[in-house]
Amino acid sequence: MKELLKRITINQEICHGKPCIRGMRWPLEVIIDMLGSGMTNEEILEDHPELEKADILACLNF
């Protein structure tokens, strides 16, 4: 789990300091919202190829 959590970054200059995926402008809350809306991991990854399955797992473990 520690390795997954290393994917979560917090930088005041990116998304106002909200936890994000790997320093990209992908706040965790956006990933969680997509999952909450009923999207599957596969649908998220298909729509957003810059993300990886481990990124989604990191969001859920954070």
PDB file of N, CA and C in Angstrom:
ATOM      1  N   MET A   1       0.829  -1.199   0.000  1.00  0.00           N
ATOM      2  CA  MET A   1       0.000   0.000   0.000  1.00  0.00           C
ATOM      3  C   MET A   1       0.869   1.256   0.000  1.00  0.00           C
ATOM      4  N   LYS A   2       2.032   1.189   0.644  1.00  0.00           N
ATOM      5  CA  LYS A   2       2.909   2.366   0.668  1.00  0.00           C
ATOM      6  C   LYS A   2       3.302   2.799  -0.738  1.00  0.00           C
ATOM      7  N   GLU A   3       3.555   1.830  -1.610  1.00  0.00           N
ATOM      8  CA  GLU A   3       3.923   2.156  -2.986  1.00  0.00           C
ATOM      9  C   GLU A   3       2.788   2.870  -3.707  1.00  0.00           C
ATOM     10  N   LEU A   4       1.556   2.427  -3.461  1.00  0.00           N
ATOM     11  CA  LEU A   4       0.401   3.086  -4.083  1.00  0.00           C
ATOM     12  C   LEU A   4       0.294   4.529  -3.620  1.00  0.00           C
ATOM     13  N   LEU A   5       0.475   4.750  -2.330  1.00  0.00           N
ATOM     14  CA  LEU A   5       0.305   6.100  -1.788  1.00  0.00           C
ATOM     15  C   LEU A   5       1.387   7.065  -2.275  1.00  0.00           C
ATOM     16  N   LYS A   6       2.503   6.542  -2.773  1.00  0.00           N
ATOM     17  CA  LYS A   6       3.542   7.411  -3.339  1.00  0.00           C
ATOM     18  C   LYS A   6       3.051   8.084  -4.621  1.00  0.00           C
ATOM     19  N   ARG A   7       1.985   7.555  -5.200  1.00  0.00           N
ATOM     20  CA  ARG A   7       1.404   8.148  -6.412  1.00  0.00           C
ATOM     21  C   ARG A   7       0.618   9.414  -6.104  1.00  0.00           C
ATOM     22  N   ILE A   8       0.287   9.633  -4.845  1.00  0.00           N
ATOM     23  CA  ILE A   8      -0.483  10.800  -4.435  1.00  0.00           C
ATOM     24  C   ILE A   8       0.491  11.926  -4.073  1.00  0.00           C
ATOM     25  N   THR A   9       0.326  13.060  -4.718  1.00  0.00           N
ATOM     26  CA  THR A   9       1.202  14.202  -4.444  1.00  0.00           C
ATOM     27  C   THR A   9       0.367  15.405  -4.021  1.00  0.00           C
ATOM     28  N   ILE A  10       0.990  16.239  -3.222  1.00  0.00           N
ATOM     29  CA  ILE A  10       0.345  17.481  -2.793  1.00  0.00           C
ATOM     30  C   ILE A  10       1.334  18.613  -3.041  1.00  0.00           C
ATOM     31  N   ASN A  11       0.919  19.553  -3.889  1.00  0.00           N
ATOM     32  CA  ASN A  11       1.755  20.682  -4.258  1.00  0.00           C
ATOM     33  C   ASN A  11       0.849  21.914  -4.314  1.00  0.00           C
ATOM     34  N   GLN A  12       1.187  22.925  -3.562  1.00  0.00           N
ATOM     35  CA  GLN A  12       0.358  24.140  -3.502  1.00  0.00           C
ATOM     36  C   GLN A  12       0.167  24.795  -4.867  1.00  0.00           C
ATOM     37  N   GLU A  13       1.063  24.516  -5.801  1.00  0.00           N
ATOM     38  CA  GLU A  13       0.978  25.132  -7.119  1.00  0.00           C
ATOM     39  C   GLU A  13       0.170  24.304  -8.115  1.00  0.00           C
ATOM     40  N   ILE A  14      -0.271  23.139  -7.695  1.00  0.00           N
ATOM     41  CA  ILE A  14      -1.075  22.277  -8.568  1.00  0.00           C
ATOM     42  C   ILE A  14      -2.420  22.039  -7.896  1.00  0.00           C
ATOM     43  N   CYS A  15      -3.480  22.472  -8.535  1.00  0.00           N
ATOM     44  CA  CYS A  15      -4.855  22.287  -8.039  1.00  0.00           C
ATOM     45  C   CYS A  15      -5.033  22.799  -6.608  1.00  0.00           C
ATOM     46  N   HIS A  16      -4.410  23.927  -6.330  1.00  0.00           N
ATOM     47  CA  HIS A  16      -4.567  24.604  -5.034  1.00  0.00           C
ATOM     48  C   HIS A  16      -4.195  23.725  -3.846  1.00  0.00           C
ATOM     49  N   GLY A  17      -3.249  22.817  -4.050  1.00  0.00           N
ATOM     50  CA  GLY A  17      -2.771  21.981  -2.959  1.00  0.00           C
ATOM     51  C   GLY A  17      -3.624  20.767  -2.662  1.00  0.00           C
ATOM     52  N   LYS A  18      -4.606  20.489  -3.502  1.00  0.00           N
ATOM     53  CA  LYS A  18      -5.417  19.288  -3.297  1.00  0.00           C
ATOM     54  C   LYS A  18      -4.584  18.062  -3.655  1.00  0.00           C
ATOM     55  N   PRO A  19      -4.823  16.936  -2.983  1.00  0.00           N
ATOM     56  CA  PRO A  19      -4.103  15.702  -3.342  1.00  0.00           C
ATOM     57  C   PRO A  19      -4.395  15.341  -4.801  1.00  0.00           C
ATOM     58  N   CYS A  20      -3.330  15.056  -5.556  1.00  0.00           N
ATOM     59  CA  CYS A  20      -3.436  14.748  -6.982  1.00  0.00           C
ATOM     60  C   CYS A  20      -2.678  13.467  -7.312  1.00  0.00           C
ATOM     61  N   ILE A  21      -2.938  12.975  -8.502  1.00  0.00           N
ATOM     62  CA  ILE A  21      -2.250  11.797  -9.003  1.00  0.00           C
ATOM     63  C   ILE A  21      -0.931  12.198  -9.643  1.00  0.00           C
ATOM     64  N   ARG A  22       0.160  11.667  -9.137  1.00  0.00           N
ATOM     65  CA  ARG A  22       1.512  11.792  -9.698  1.00  0.00           C
ATOM     66  C   ARG A  22       1.881  13.189 -10.196  1.00  0.00           C
ATOM     67  N   GLY A  23       1.473  14.215  -9.490  1.00  0.00           N
ATOM     68  CA  GLY A  23       1.837  15.576  -9.860  1.00  0.00           C
ATOM     69  C   GLY A  23       1.085  16.120 -11.063  1.00  0.00           C
ATOM     70  N   MET A  24       0.144  15.338 -11.583  1.00  0.00           N
ATOM     71  CA  MET A  24      -0.663  15.810 -12.707  1.00  0.00           C
ATOM     72  C   MET A  24      -1.857  16.589 -12.148  1.00  0.00           C
ATOM     73  N   ARG A  25      -2.579  17.216 -12.998  1.00  0.00           N
ATOM     74  CA  ARG A  25      -3.756  17.974 -12.572  1.00  0.00           C
ATOM     75  C   ARG A  25      -4.988  17.063 -12.521  1.00  0.00           C
ATOM     76  N   TRP A  26      -4.845  15.987 -11.790  1.00  0.00           N
ATOM     77  CA  TRP A  26      -5.924  15.033 -11.562  1.00  0.00           C
ATOM     78  C   TRP A  26      -6.167  14.918 -10.063  1.00  0.00           C
ATOM     79  N   PRO A  27      -7.018  15.783  -9.504  1.00  0.00           N
ATOM     80  CA  PRO A  27      -7.321  15.667  -8.072  1.00  0.00           C
ATOM     81  C   PRO A  27      -8.008  14.333  -7.781  1.00  0.00           C
ATOM     82  N   LEU A  28      -7.705  13.784  -6.624  1.00  0.00           N
ATOM     83  CA  LEU A  28      -8.310  12.511  -6.223  1.00  0.00           C
ATOM     84  C   LEU A  28      -9.825  12.584  -6.247  1.00  0.00           C
ATOM     85  N   GLU A  29     -10.373  13.725  -5.852  1.00  0.00           N
ATOM     86  CA  GLU A  29     -11.830  13.845  -5.786  1.00  0.00           C
ATOM     87  C   GLU A  29     -12.486  13.627  -7.148  1.00  0.00           C
ATOM     88  N   VAL A  30     -11.792  13.966  -8.226  1.00  0.00           N
ATOM     89  CA  VAL A  30     -12.347  13.764  -9.568  1.00  0.00           C
ATOM     90  C   VAL A  30     -12.429  12.264  -9.876  1.00  0.00           C
ATOM     91  N   ILE A  31     -11.383  11.541  -9.525  1.00  0.00           N
ATOM     92  CA  ILE A  31     -11.371  10.082  -9.746  1.00  0.00           C
ATOM     93  C   ILE A  31     -12.477   9.429  -8.919  1.00  0.00           C
ATOM     94  N   ILE A  32     -12.589   9.825  -7.658  1.00  0.00           N
ATOM     95  CA  ILE A  32     -13.620   9.264  -6.770  1.00  0.00           C
ATOM     96  C   ILE A  32     -15.012   9.605  -7.310  1.00  0.00           C
ATOM     97  N   ASP A  33     -15.199  10.824  -7.809  1.00  0.00           N
ATOM     98  CA  ASP A  33     -16.491  11.210  -8.398  1.00  0.00           C
ATOM     99  C   ASP A  33     -16.837  10.337  -9.602  1.00  0.00           C
ATOM    100  N   MET A  34     -15.841  10.055 -10.444  1.00  0.00           N
ATOM    101  CA  MET A  34     -16.101   9.201 -11.608  1.00  0.00           C
ATOM    102  C   MET A  34     -16.532   7.802 -11.162  1.00  0.00           C
ATOM    103  N   LEU A  35     -15.846   7.262 -10.165  1.00  0.00           N
ATOM    104  CA  LEU A  35     -16.226   5.952  -9.643  1.00  0.00           C
ATOM    105  C   LEU A  35     -17.622   5.998  -9.031  1.00  0.00           C
ATOM    106  N   GLY A  36     -17.897   7.060  -8.293  1.00  0.00           N
ATOM    107  CA  GLY A  36     -19.200   7.230  -7.654  1.00  0.00           C
ATOM    108  C   GLY A  36     -20.341   7.375  -8.645  1.00  0.00           C
ATOM    109  N   SER A  37     -20.020   7.870  -9.842  1.00  0.00           N
ATOM    110  CA  SER A  37     -21.060   8.028 -10.863  1.00  0.00           C
ATOM    111  C   SER A  37     -21.368   6.714 -11.573  1.00  0.00           C
ATOM    112  N   GLY A  38     -20.588   5.690 -11.230  1.00  0.00           N
ATOM    113  CA  GLY A  38     -20.840   4.375 -11.814  1.00  0.00           C
ATOM    114  C   GLY A  38     -19.838   3.939 -12.868  1.00  0.00           C
ATOM    115  N   MET A  39     -18.860   4.795 -13.168  1.00  0.00           N
ATOM    116  CA  MET A  39     -17.846   4.392 -14.146  1.00  0.00           C
ATOM    117  C   MET A  39     -16.993   3.274 -13.561  1.00  0.00           C
ATOM    118  N   THR A  40     -16.602   2.333 -14.407  1.00  0.00           N
ATOM    119  CA  THR A  40     -15.710   1.264 -13.969  1.00  0.00           C
ATOM    120  C   THR A  40     -14.261   1.728 -14.136  1.00  0.00           C
ATOM    121  N   ASN A  41     -13.352   1.011 -13.490  1.00  0.00           N
ATOM    122  CA  ASN A  41     -11.926   1.313 -13.662  1.00  0.00           C
ATOM    123  C   ASN A  41     -11.568   1.298 -15.140  1.00  0.00           C
ATOM    124  N   GLU A  42     -12.062   0.299 -15.849  1.00  0.00           N
ATOM    125  CA  GLU A  42     -11.743   0.152 -17.263  1.00  0.00           C
ATOM    126  C   GLU A  42     -12.255   1.345 -18.087  1.00  0.00           C
ATOM    127  N   GLU A  43     -13.443   1.821 -17.783  1.00  0.00           N
ATOM    128  CA  GLU A  43     -13.988   2.980 -18.501  1.00  0.00           C
ATOM    129  C   GLU A  43     -13.154   4.229 -18.237  1.00  0.00           C
ATOM    130  N   ILE A  44     -12.753   4.417 -16.999  1.00  0.00           N
ATOM    131  CA  ILE A  44     -11.926   5.578 -16.649  1.00  0.00           C
ATOM    132  C   ILE A  44     -10.605   5.513 -17.405  1.00  0.00           C
ATOM    133  N   LEU A  45      -9.972   4.347 -17.395  1.00  0.00           N
ATOM    134  CA  LEU A  45      -8.679   4.196 -18.062  1.00  0.00           C
ATOM    135  C   LEU A  45      -8.795   4.333 -19.576  1.00  0.00           C
ATOM    136  N   GLU A  46      -9.896   3.887 -20.123  1.00  0.00           N
ATOM    137  CA  GLU A  46     -10.114   4.026 -21.567  1.00  0.00           C
ATOM    138  C   GLU A  46     -10.300   5.489 -21.957  1.00  0.00           C
ATOM    139  N   ASP A  47     -11.059   6.223 -21.141  1.00  0.00           N
ATOM    140  CA  ASP A  47     -11.315   7.642 -21.417  1.00  0.00           C
ATOM    141  C   ASP A  47     -10.111   8.535 -21.114  1.00  0.00           C
ATOM    142  N   HIS A  48      -9.260   8.092 -20.200  1.00  0.00           N
ATOM    143  CA  HIS A  48      -8.136   8.914 -19.738  1.00  0.00           C
ATOM    144  C   HIS A  48      -6.859   8.063 -19.716  1.00  0.00           C
ATOM    145  N   PRO A  49      -6.253   7.841 -20.880  1.00  0.00           N
ATOM    146  CA  PRO A  49      -5.105   6.933 -20.977  1.00  0.00           C
ATOM    147  C   PRO A  49      -3.861   7.373 -20.195  1.00  0.00           C
ATOM    148  N   GLU A  50      -3.836   8.615 -19.742  1.00  0.00           N
ATOM    149  CA  GLU A  50      -2.693   9.063 -18.936  1.00  0.00           C
ATOM    150  C   GLU A  50      -2.748   8.490 -17.519  1.00  0.00           C
ATOM    151  N   LEU A  51      -3.903   7.981 -17.139  1.00  0.00           N
ATOM    152  CA  LEU A  51      -4.048   7.355 -15.824  1.00  0.00           C
ATOM    153  C   LEU A  51      -3.731   5.867 -15.909  1.00  0.00           C
ATOM    154  N   GLU A  52      -3.366   5.301 -14.762  1.00  0.00           N
ATOM    155  CA  GLU A  52      -3.070   3.877 -14.662  1.00  0.00           C
ATOM    156  C   GLU A  52      -3.958   3.275 -13.581  1.00  0.00           C
ATOM    157  N   LYS A  53      -4.139   1.970 -13.660  1.00  0.00           N
ATOM    158  CA  LYS A  53      -4.987   1.290 -12.674  1.00  0.00           C
ATOM    159  C   LYS A  53      -4.478   1.557 -11.245  1.00  0.00           C
ATOM    160  N   ALA A  54      -3.175   1.576 -11.073  1.00  0.00           N
ATOM    161  CA  ALA A  54      -2.604   1.835  -9.750  1.00  0.00           C
ATOM    162  C   ALA A  54      -2.973   3.231  -9.245  1.00  0.00           C
ATOM    163  N   ASP A  55      -3.184   4.181 -10.145  1.00  0.00           N
ATOM    164  CA  ASP A  55      -3.610   5.532  -9.738  1.00  0.00           C
ATOM    165  C   ASP A  55      -4.996   5.476  -9.089  1.00  0.00           C
ATOM    166  N   ILE A  56      -5.889   4.698  -9.695  1.00  0.00           N
ATOM    167  CA  ILE A  56      -7.238   4.566  -9.144  1.00  0.00           C
ATOM    168  C   ILE A  56      -7.189   3.880  -7.787  1.00  0.00           C
ATOM    169  N   LEU A  57      -6.394   2.831  -7.690  1.00  0.00           N
ATOM    170  CA  LEU A  57      -6.249   2.127  -6.406  1.00  0.00           C
ATOM    171  C   LEU A  57      -5.657   3.040  -5.335  1.00  0.00           C
ATOM    172  N   ALA A  58      -4.723   3.885  -5.734  1.00  0.00           N
ATOM    173  CA  ALA A  58      -4.116   4.835  -4.781  1.00  0.00           C
ATOM    174  C   ALA A  58      -5.167   5.796  -4.253  1.00  0.00           C
ATOM    175  N   CYS A  59      -6.064   6.269  -5.119  1.00  0.00           N
ATOM    176  CA  CYS A  59      -7.145   7.168  -4.688  1.00  0.00           C
ATOM    177  C   CYS A  59      -8.015   6.495  -3.647  1.00  0.00           C
ATOM    178  N   LEU A  60      -8.356   5.262  -3.899  1.00  0.00           N
ATOM    179  CA  LEU A  60      -9.237   4.545  -2.977  1.00  0.00           C
ATOM    180  C   LEU A  60      -8.538   4.264  -1.642  1.00  0.00           C
ATOM    181  N   ASN A  61      -7.241   4.079  -1.664  1.00  0.00           N
ATOM    182  CA  ASN A  61      -6.510   3.800  -0.427  1.00  0.00           C
ATOM    183  C   ASN A  61      -6.152   5.053   0.349  1.00  0.00           C
ATOM    184  N   PHE A  62      -6.178   6.211  -0.309  1.00  0.00           N
ATOM    185  CA  PHE A  62      -5.842   7.462   0.354  1.00  0.00           C
ATOM    186  C   PHE A  62      -6.917   7.820   1.335  1.00  0.00           C
TER     187      PHE A  62
END
